């Protein structure tokens, strides 16, 4: 298990900046986050309900098709 600090993260309990340490436990397939100031602990599952990338115009399986082109005249 490798312990590392996550830059720019605010603790949800005490609000301290840059105090969250993350440990990736591959045996139990969880990500453990600990605050070194207040002792807050959070466990996130990495094996079950793994977050999937949202489908966007860039990552969609289907090709994105623009609507028909409309010509607009500007009157002054």
PDB file of N, CA and C in Angstrom:
ATOM      1  N   UNK A   1       0.854  -1.184   0.000  1.00  0.00           N
ATOM      2  CA  UNK A   1       0.000   0.000   0.000  1.00  0.00           C
ATOM      3  C   UNK A   1       0.891   1.236   0.000  1.00  0.00           C
ATOM      4  N   UNK A   2       0.554   2.153  -0.874  1.00  0.00           N
ATOM      5  CA  UNK A   2       1.335   3.376  -1.010  1.00  0.00           C
ATOM      6  C   UNK A   2       0.519   4.541  -0.465  1.00  0.00           C
ATOM      7  N   UNK A   3       1.077   5.265   0.506  1.00  0.00           N
ATOM      8  CA  UNK A   3       0.400   6.427   1.081  1.00  0.00           C
ATOM      9  C   UNK A   3       0.851   7.672   0.339  1.00  0.00           C
ATOM     10  N   UNK A   4      -0.107   8.549   0.020  1.00  0.00           N
ATOM     11  CA  UNK A   4       0.236   9.792  -0.674  1.00  0.00           C
ATOM     12  C   UNK A   4      -0.742  10.885  -0.283  1.00  0.00           C
ATOM     13  N   UNK A   5      -0.285  12.123  -0.321  1.00  0.00           N
ATOM     14  CA  UNK A   5      -1.149  13.266  -0.048  1.00  0.00           C
ATOM     15  C   UNK A   5      -1.770  13.745  -1.352  1.00  0.00           C
ATOM     16  N   UNK A   6      -3.002  14.214  -1.264  1.00  0.00           N
ATOM     17  CA  UNK A   6      -3.709  14.722  -2.435  1.00  0.00           C
ATOM     18  C   UNK A   6      -3.709  16.240  -2.347  1.00  0.00           C
ATOM     19  N   UNK A   7      -3.070  16.887  -3.299  1.00  0.00           N
ATOM     20  CA  UNK A   7      -2.936  18.347  -3.288  1.00  0.00           C
ATOM     21  C   UNK A   7      -4.259  19.021  -3.614  1.00  0.00           C
ATOM     22  N   UNK A   8      -4.571  20.082  -2.883  1.00  0.00           N
ATOM     23  CA  UNK A   8      -5.743  20.899  -3.163  1.00  0.00           C
ATOM     24  C   UNK A   8      -7.055  20.368  -2.624  1.00  0.00           C
ATOM     25  N   UNK A   9      -7.041  19.278  -1.874  1.00  0.00           N
ATOM     26  CA  UNK A   9      -8.272  18.695  -1.345  1.00  0.00           C
ATOM     27  C   UNK A   9      -8.542  19.256   0.044  1.00  0.00           C
ATOM     28  N   UNK A  10      -9.810  19.592   0.296  1.00  0.00           N
ATOM     29  CA  UNK A  10     -10.242  20.123   1.584  1.00  0.00           C
ATOM     30  C   UNK A  10     -10.938  19.007   2.350  1.00  0.00           C
ATOM     31  N   UNK A  11     -10.609  18.857   3.618  1.00  0.00           N
ATOM     32  CA  UNK A  11     -11.245  17.844   4.463  1.00  0.00           C
ATOM     33  C   UNK A  11     -12.721  18.190   4.643  1.00  0.00           C
ATOM     34  N   UNK A  12     -13.631  17.229   4.407  1.00  0.00           N
ATOM     35  CA  UNK A  12     -15.058  17.517   4.560  1.00  0.00           C
ATOM     36  C   UNK A  12     -15.490  17.738   6.007  1.00  0.00           C
ATOM     37  N   UNK A  13     -14.698  17.289   6.978  1.00  0.00           N
ATOM     38  CA  UNK A  13     -15.072  17.436   8.384  1.00  0.00           C
ATOM     39  C   UNK A  13     -14.536  18.727   8.994  1.00  0.00           C
ATOM     40  N   UNK A  14     -13.215  18.955   8.879  1.00  0.00           N
ATOM     41  CA  UNK A  14     -12.624  20.121   9.549  1.00  0.00           C
ATOM     42  C   UNK A  14     -12.342  21.281   8.603  1.00  0.00           C
ATOM     43  N   UNK A  15     -12.367  21.045   7.295  1.00  0.00           N
ATOM     44  CA  UNK A  15     -12.156  22.111   6.322  1.00  0.00           C
ATOM     45  C   UNK A  15     -10.702  22.474   6.090  1.00  0.00           C
ATOM     46  N   UNK A  16      -9.777  21.680   6.613  1.00  0.00           N
ATOM     47  CA  UNK A  16      -8.350  21.967   6.433  1.00  0.00           C
ATOM     48  C   UNK A  16      -7.922  21.612   5.011  1.00  0.00           C
ATOM     49  N   UNK A  17      -7.046  22.431   4.456  1.00  0.00           N
ATOM     50  CA  UNK A  17      -6.564  22.240   3.092  1.00  0.00           C
ATOM     51  C   UNK A  17      -5.270  21.432   3.100  1.00  0.00           C
ATOM     52  N   UNK A  18      -5.129  20.538   2.140  1.00  0.00           N
ATOM     53  CA  UNK A  18      -3.918  19.730   1.943  1.00  0.00           C
ATOM     54  C   UNK A  18      -3.568  18.857   3.144  1.00  0.00           C
ATOM     55  N   UNK A  19      -4.563  18.273   3.792  1.00  0.00           N
ATOM     56  CA  UNK A  19      -4.299  17.375   4.921  1.00  0.00           C
ATOM     57  C   UNK A  19      -4.835  15.971   4.666  1.00  0.00           C
ATOM     58  N   UNK A  20      -5.343  15.700   3.465  1.00  0.00           N
ATOM     59  CA  UNK A  20      -5.924  14.398   3.149  1.00  0.00           C
ATOM     60  C   UNK A  20      -4.846  13.471   2.588  1.00  0.00           C
ATOM     61  N   UNK A  21      -4.721  12.298   3.216  1.00  0.00           N
ATOM     62  CA  UNK A  21      -3.785  11.274   2.774  1.00  0.00           C
ATOM     63  C   UNK A  21      -4.602  10.134   2.172  1.00  0.00           C
ATOM     64  N   UNK A  22      -4.201   9.636   1.015  1.00  0.00           N
ATOM     65  CA  UNK A  22      -4.929   8.562   0.346  1.00  0.00           C
ATOM     66  C   UNK A  22      -4.085   7.297   0.333  1.00  0.00           C
ATOM     67  N   UNK A  23      -4.757   6.170   0.598  1.00  0.00           N
ATOM     68  CA  UNK A  23      -4.112   4.860   0.559  1.00  0.00           C
ATOM     69  C   UNK A  23      -4.974   3.970  -0.322  1.00  0.00           C
ATOM     70  N   UNK A  24      -4.374   3.368  -1.349  1.00  0.00           N
ATOM     71  CA  UNK A  24      -5.108   2.479  -2.243  1.00  0.00           C
ATOM     72  C   UNK A  24      -4.855   1.041  -1.808  1.00  0.00           C
ATOM     73  N   UNK A  25      -5.881   0.390  -1.230  1.00  0.00           N
ATOM     74  CA  UNK A  25      -5.776  -0.989  -0.764  1.00  0.00           C
ATOM     75  C   UNK A  25      -6.275  -1.902  -1.883  1.00  0.00           C
ATOM     76  N   UNK A  26      -5.347  -2.562  -2.581  1.00  0.00           N
ATOM     77  CA  UNK A  26      -5.727  -3.391  -3.725  1.00  0.00           C
ATOM     78  C   UNK A  26      -6.342  -4.719  -3.310  1.00  0.00           C
ATOM     79  N   UNK A  27      -6.034  -5.214  -2.116  1.00  0.00           N
ATOM     80  CA  UNK A  27      -6.613  -6.476  -1.655  1.00  0.00           C
ATOM     81  C   UNK A  27      -8.108  -6.339  -1.410  1.00  0.00           C
ATOM     82  N   UNK A  28      -8.515  -5.284  -0.711  1.00  0.00           N
ATOM     83  CA  UNK A  28      -9.930  -5.066  -0.401  1.00  0.00           C
ATOM     84  C   UNK A  28     -10.619  -4.205  -1.449  1.00  0.00           C
ATOM     85  N   UNK A  29      -9.888  -3.726  -2.442  1.00  0.00           N
ATOM     86  CA  UNK A  29     -10.385  -2.875  -3.520  1.00  0.00           C
ATOM     87  C   UNK A  29     -11.095  -1.636  -2.975  1.00  0.00           C
ATOM     88  N   UNK A  30     -10.401  -0.910  -2.099  1.00  0.00           N
ATOM     89  CA  UNK A  30     -10.935   0.331  -1.547  1.00  0.00           C
ATOM     90  C   UNK A  30      -9.853   1.403  -1.571  1.00  0.00           C
ATOM     91  N   UNK A  31     -10.297   2.644  -1.645  1.00  0.00           N
ATOM     92  CA  UNK A  31      -9.430   3.807  -1.504  1.00  0.00           C
ATOM     93  C   UNK A  31      -9.764   4.422  -0.156  1.00  0.00           C
ATOM     94  N   UNK A  32      -8.780   4.508   0.717  1.00  0.00           N
ATOM     95  CA  UNK A  32      -8.989   5.034   2.064  1.00  0.00           C
ATOM     96  C   UNK A  32      -8.417   6.440   2.113  1.00  0.00           C
ATOM     97  N   UNK A  33      -9.249   7.402   2.530  1.00  0.00           N
ATOM     98  CA  UNK A  33      -8.799   8.788   2.681  1.00  0.00           C
ATOM     99  C   UNK A  33      -8.809   9.142   4.160  1.00  0.00           C
ATOM    100  N   UNK A  34      -7.699   9.679   4.653  1.00  0.00           N
ATOM    101  CA  UNK A  34      -7.561  10.064   6.058  1.00  0.00           C
ATOM    102  C   UNK A  34      -7.112  11.508   6.144  1.00  0.00           C
ATOM    103  N   UNK A  35      -7.713  12.266   7.087  1.00  0.00           N
ATOM    104  CA  UNK A  35      -7.260  13.624   7.376  1.00  0.00           C
ATOM    105  C   UNK A  35      -6.274  13.535   8.532  1.00  0.00           C
ATOM    106  N   UNK A  36      -5.090  14.104   8.354  1.00  0.00           N
ATOM    107  CA  UNK A  36      -4.083  14.023   9.414  1.00  0.00           C
ATOM    108  C   UNK A  36      -4.335  15.035  10.525  1.00  0.00           C
ATOM    109  N   UNK A  37      -5.214  16.030  10.293  1.00  0.00           N
ATOM    110  CA  UNK A  37      -5.523  17.020  11.336  1.00  0.00           C
ATOM    111  C   UNK A  37      -6.609  16.537  12.291  1.00  0.00           C
ATOM    112  N   UNK A  38      -7.752  16.085  11.747  1.00  0.00           N
ATOM    113  CA  UNK A  38      -8.896  15.759  12.612  1.00  0.00           C
ATOM    114  C   UNK A  38      -9.173  14.264  12.728  1.00  0.00           C
ATOM    115  N   UNK A  39      -8.526  13.431  11.911  1.00  0.00           N
ATOM    116  CA  UNK A  39      -8.745  11.995  11.995  1.00  0.00           C
ATOM    117  C   UNK A  39      -9.901  11.485  11.163  1.00  0.00           C
ATOM    118  N   UNK A  40     -10.497  12.312  10.325  1.00  0.00           N
ATOM    119  CA  UNK A  40     -11.598  11.901   9.452  1.00  0.00           C
ATOM    120  C   UNK A  40     -11.128  10.764   8.546  1.00  0.00           C
ATOM    121  N   UNK A  41     -11.957   9.721   8.393  1.00  0.00           N
ATOM    122  CA  UNK A  41     -11.637   8.583   7.533  1.00  0.00           C
ATOM    123  C   UNK A  41     -12.807   8.307   6.611  1.00  0.00           C
ATOM    124  N   UNK A  42     -12.487   8.023   5.354  1.00  0.00           N
ATOM    125  CA  UNK A  42     -13.499   7.734   4.341  1.00  0.00           C
ATOM    126  C   UNK A  42     -12.996   6.570   3.501  1.00  0.00           C
ATOM    127  N   UNK A  43     -13.889   5.616   3.192  1.00  0.00           N
ATOM    128  CA  UNK A  43     -13.517   4.463   2.368  1.00  0.00           C
ATOM    129  C   UNK A  43     -14.371   4.471   1.106  1.00  0.00           C
ATOM    130  N   UNK A  44     -13.701   4.453  -0.046  1.00  0.00           N
ATOM    131  CA  UNK A  44     -14.386   4.443  -1.335  1.00  0.00           C
ATOM    132  C   UNK A  44     -14.074   3.135  -2.049  1.00  0.00           C
ATOM    133  N   UNK A  45     -15.102   2.452  -2.523  1.00  0.00           N
ATOM    134  CA  UNK A  45     -14.914   1.197  -3.236  1.00  0.00           C
ATOM    135  C   UNK A  45     -14.353   1.465  -4.626  1.00  0.00           C
ATOM    136  N   UNK A  46     -13.311   0.731  -4.999  1.00  0.00           N
ATOM    137  CA  UNK A  46     -12.741   0.879  -6.337  1.00  0.00           C
ATOM    138  C   UNK A  46     -13.105  -0.293  -7.235  1.00  0.00           C
ATOM    139  N   UNK A  47     -13.583  -1.386  -6.666  1.00  0.00           N
ATOM    140  CA  UNK A  47     -13.922  -2.562  -7.463  1.00  0.00           C
ATOM    141  C   UNK A  47     -15.390  -2.630  -7.812  1.00  0.00           C
ATOM    142  N   UNK A  48     -16.256  -2.315  -6.870  1.00  0.00           N
ATOM    143  CA  UNK A  48     -17.696  -2.361  -7.080  1.00  0.00           C
ATOM    144  C   UNK A  48     -18.181  -0.949  -7.370  1.00  0.00           C
ATOM    145  N   UNK A  49     -19.108  -0.817  -8.278  1.00  0.00           N
ATOM    146  CA  UNK A  49     -19.664   0.482  -8.662  1.00  0.00           C
ATOM    147  C   UNK A  49     -18.568   1.456  -9.074  1.00  0.00           C
ATOM    148  N   UNK A  50     -17.665   0.970  -9.886  1.00  0.00           N
ATOM    149  CA  UNK A  50     -16.580   1.817 -10.365  1.00  0.00           C
ATOM    150  C   UNK A  50     -17.154   2.933 -11.226  1.00  0.00           C
ATOM    151  N   UNK A  51     -16.756   4.178 -10.968  1.00  0.00           N
ATOM    152  CA  UNK A  51     -17.313   5.283 -11.753  1.00  0.00           C
ATOM    153  C   UNK A  51     -16.930   5.155 -13.219  1.00  0.00           C
ATOM    154  N   UNK A  52     -17.904   5.401 -14.074  1.00  0.00           N
ATOM    155  CA  UNK A  52     -17.675   5.322 -15.508  1.00  0.00           C
ATOM    156  C   UNK A  52     -17.593   6.722 -16.084  1.00  0.00           C
ATOM    157  N   UNK A  53     -16.884   6.840 -17.181  1.00  0.00           N
ATOM    158  CA  UNK A  53     -16.746   8.133 -17.830  1.00  0.00           C
ATOM    159  C   UNK A  53     -18.087   8.538 -18.427  1.00  0.00           C
ATOM    160  N   UNK A  54     -18.460   9.797 -18.199  1.00  0.00           N
ATOM    161  CA  UNK A  54     -19.726  10.294 -18.719  1.00  0.00           C
ATOM    162  C   UNK A  54     -19.654  10.406 -20.234  1.00  0.00           C
ATOM    163  N   UNK A  55     -20.752  10.109 -20.886  1.00  0.00           N
ATOM    164  CA  UNK A  55     -20.815  10.220 -22.332  1.00  0.00           C
ATOM    165  C   UNK A  55     -20.987  11.684 -22.713  1.00  0.00           C
ATOM    166  N   UNK A  56     -20.060  12.185 -23.490  1.00  0.00           N
ATOM    167  CA  UNK A  56     -20.118  13.563 -23.955  1.00  0.00           C
ATOM    168  C   UNK A  56     -19.981  13.581 -25.467  1.00  0.00           C
ATOM    169  N   UNK A  57     -19.996  14.751 -26.024  1.00  0.00           N
ATOM    170  CA  UNK A  57     -19.849  14.890 -27.470  1.00  0.00           C
ATOM    171  C   UNK A  57     -18.486  14.362 -27.916  1.00  0.00           C
ATOM    172  N   UNK A  58     -17.495  14.492 -27.071  1.00  0.00           N
ATOM    173  CA  UNK A  58     -16.147  14.060 -27.422  1.00  0.00           C
ATOM    174  C   UNK A  58     -15.967  12.560 -27.221  1.00  0.00           C
ATOM    175  N   UNK A  59     -16.554  11.988 -26.167  1.00  0.00           N
ATOM    176  CA  UNK A  59     -16.336  10.583 -25.839  1.00  0.00           C
ATOM    177  C   UNK A  59     -17.475   9.667 -26.259  1.00  0.00           C
ATOM    178  N   UNK A  60     -18.479  10.178 -26.918  1.00  0.00           N
ATOM    179  CA  UNK A  60     -19.643   9.365 -27.283  1.00  0.00           C
ATOM    180  C   UNK A  60     -19.258   8.298 -28.305  1.00  0.00           C
ATOM    181  N   UNK A  61     -19.959   7.163 -28.243  1.00  0.00           N
ATOM    182  CA  UNK A  61     -19.713   6.093 -29.204  1.00  0.00           C
ATOM    183  C   UNK A  61     -20.201   6.483 -30.600  1.00  0.00           C
ATOM    184  N   UNK A  62     -21.329   7.160 -30.643  1.00  0.00           N
ATOM    185  CA  UNK A  62     -21.884   7.583 -31.926  1.00  0.00           C
ATOM    186  C   UNK A  62     -21.234   8.884 -32.369  1.00  0.00           C
ATOM    187  N   UNK A  63     -21.191   9.083 -33.661  1.00  0.00           N
ATOM    188  CA  UNK A  63     -20.631  10.311 -34.208  1.00  0.00           C
ATOM    189  C   UNK A  63     -21.608  11.455 -33.973  1.00  0.00           C
ATOM    190  N   UNK A  64     -21.099  12.590 -33.506  1.00  0.00           N
ATOM    191  CA  UNK A  64     -21.927  13.765 -33.248  1.00  0.00           C
ATOM    192  C   UNK A  64     -22.253  14.441 -34.574  1.00  0.00           C
ATOM    193  N   UNK A  65     -23.545  14.730 -34.792  1.00  0.00           N
ATOM    194  CA  UNK A  65     -23.985  15.367 -36.030  1.00  0.00           C
ATOM    195  C   UNK A  65     -24.577  16.722 -35.682  1.00  0.00           C
ATOM    196  N   UNK A  66     -24.029  17.769 -36.294  1.00  0.00           N
ATOM    197  CA  UNK A  66     -24.566  19.111 -36.084  1.00  0.00           C
ATOM    198  C   UNK A  66     -25.894  19.256 -36.813  1.00  0.00           C
ATOM    199  N   UNK A  67     -26.725  20.164 -36.315  1.00  0.00           N
ATOM    200  CA  UNK A  67     -27.986  20.466 -36.989  1.00  0.00           C
ATOM    201  C   UNK A  67     -27.674  21.184 -38.303  1.00  0.00           C
ATOM    202  N   UNK A  68     -28.692  21.348 -39.108  1.00  0.00           N
ATOM    203  CA  UNK A  68     -28.512  22.019 -40.398  1.00  0.00           C
ATOM    204  C   UNK A  68     -28.009  23.450 -40.181  1.00  0.00           C
ATOM    205  N   UNK A  69     -27.184  23.914 -41.107  1.00  0.00           N
ATOM    206  CA  UNK A  69     -26.618  25.251 -41.021  1.00  0.00           C
ATOM    207  C   UNK A  69     -27.693  26.272 -41.362  1.00  0.00           C
ATOM    208  N   UNK A  70     -27.798  27.326 -40.553  1.00  0.00           N
ATOM    209  CA  UNK A  70     -28.759  28.394 -40.804  1.00  0.00           C
ATOM    210  C   UNK A  70     -27.991  29.680 -41.077  1.00  0.00           C
ATOM    211  N   UNK A  71     -28.382  30.366 -42.150  1.00  0.00           N
ATOM    212  CA  UNK A  71     -27.752  31.629 -42.502  1.00  0.00           C
ATOM    213  C   UNK A  71     -28.518  32.745 -41.821  1.00  0.00           C
ATOM    214  N   UNK A  72     -27.791  33.633 -41.142  1.00  0.00           N
ATOM    215  CA  UNK A  72     -28.415  34.750 -40.429  1.00  0.00           C
ATOM    216  C   UNK A  72     -27.884  36.041 -41.022  1.00  0.00           C
ATOM    217  N   UNK A  73     -28.797  36.963 -41.377  1.00  0.00           N
ATOM    218  CA  UNK A  73     -28.405  38.270 -41.896  1.00  0.00           C
ATOM    219  C   UNK A  73     -28.552  39.290 -40.783  1.00  0.00           C
ATOM    220  N   UNK A  74     -27.512  40.080 -40.573  1.00  0.00           N
ATOM    221  CA  UNK A  74     -27.536  41.112 -39.545  1.00  0.00           C
ATOM    222  C   UNK A  74     -27.947  42.421 -40.200  1.00  0.00           C
ATOM    223  N   UNK A  75     -29.027  43.009 -39.712  1.00  0.00           N
ATOM    224  CA  UNK A  75     -29.549  44.266 -40.259  1.00  0.00           C
ATOM    225  C   UNK A  75     -29.155  45.387 -39.320  1.00  0.00           C
ATOM    226  N   UNK A  76     -28.612  46.467 -39.919  1.00  0.00           N
ATOM    227  CA  UNK A  76     -28.204  47.601 -39.093  1.00  0.00           C
ATOM    228  C   UNK A  76     -29.112  48.775 -39.319  1.00  0.00           C
TER     229      UNK A  76
END
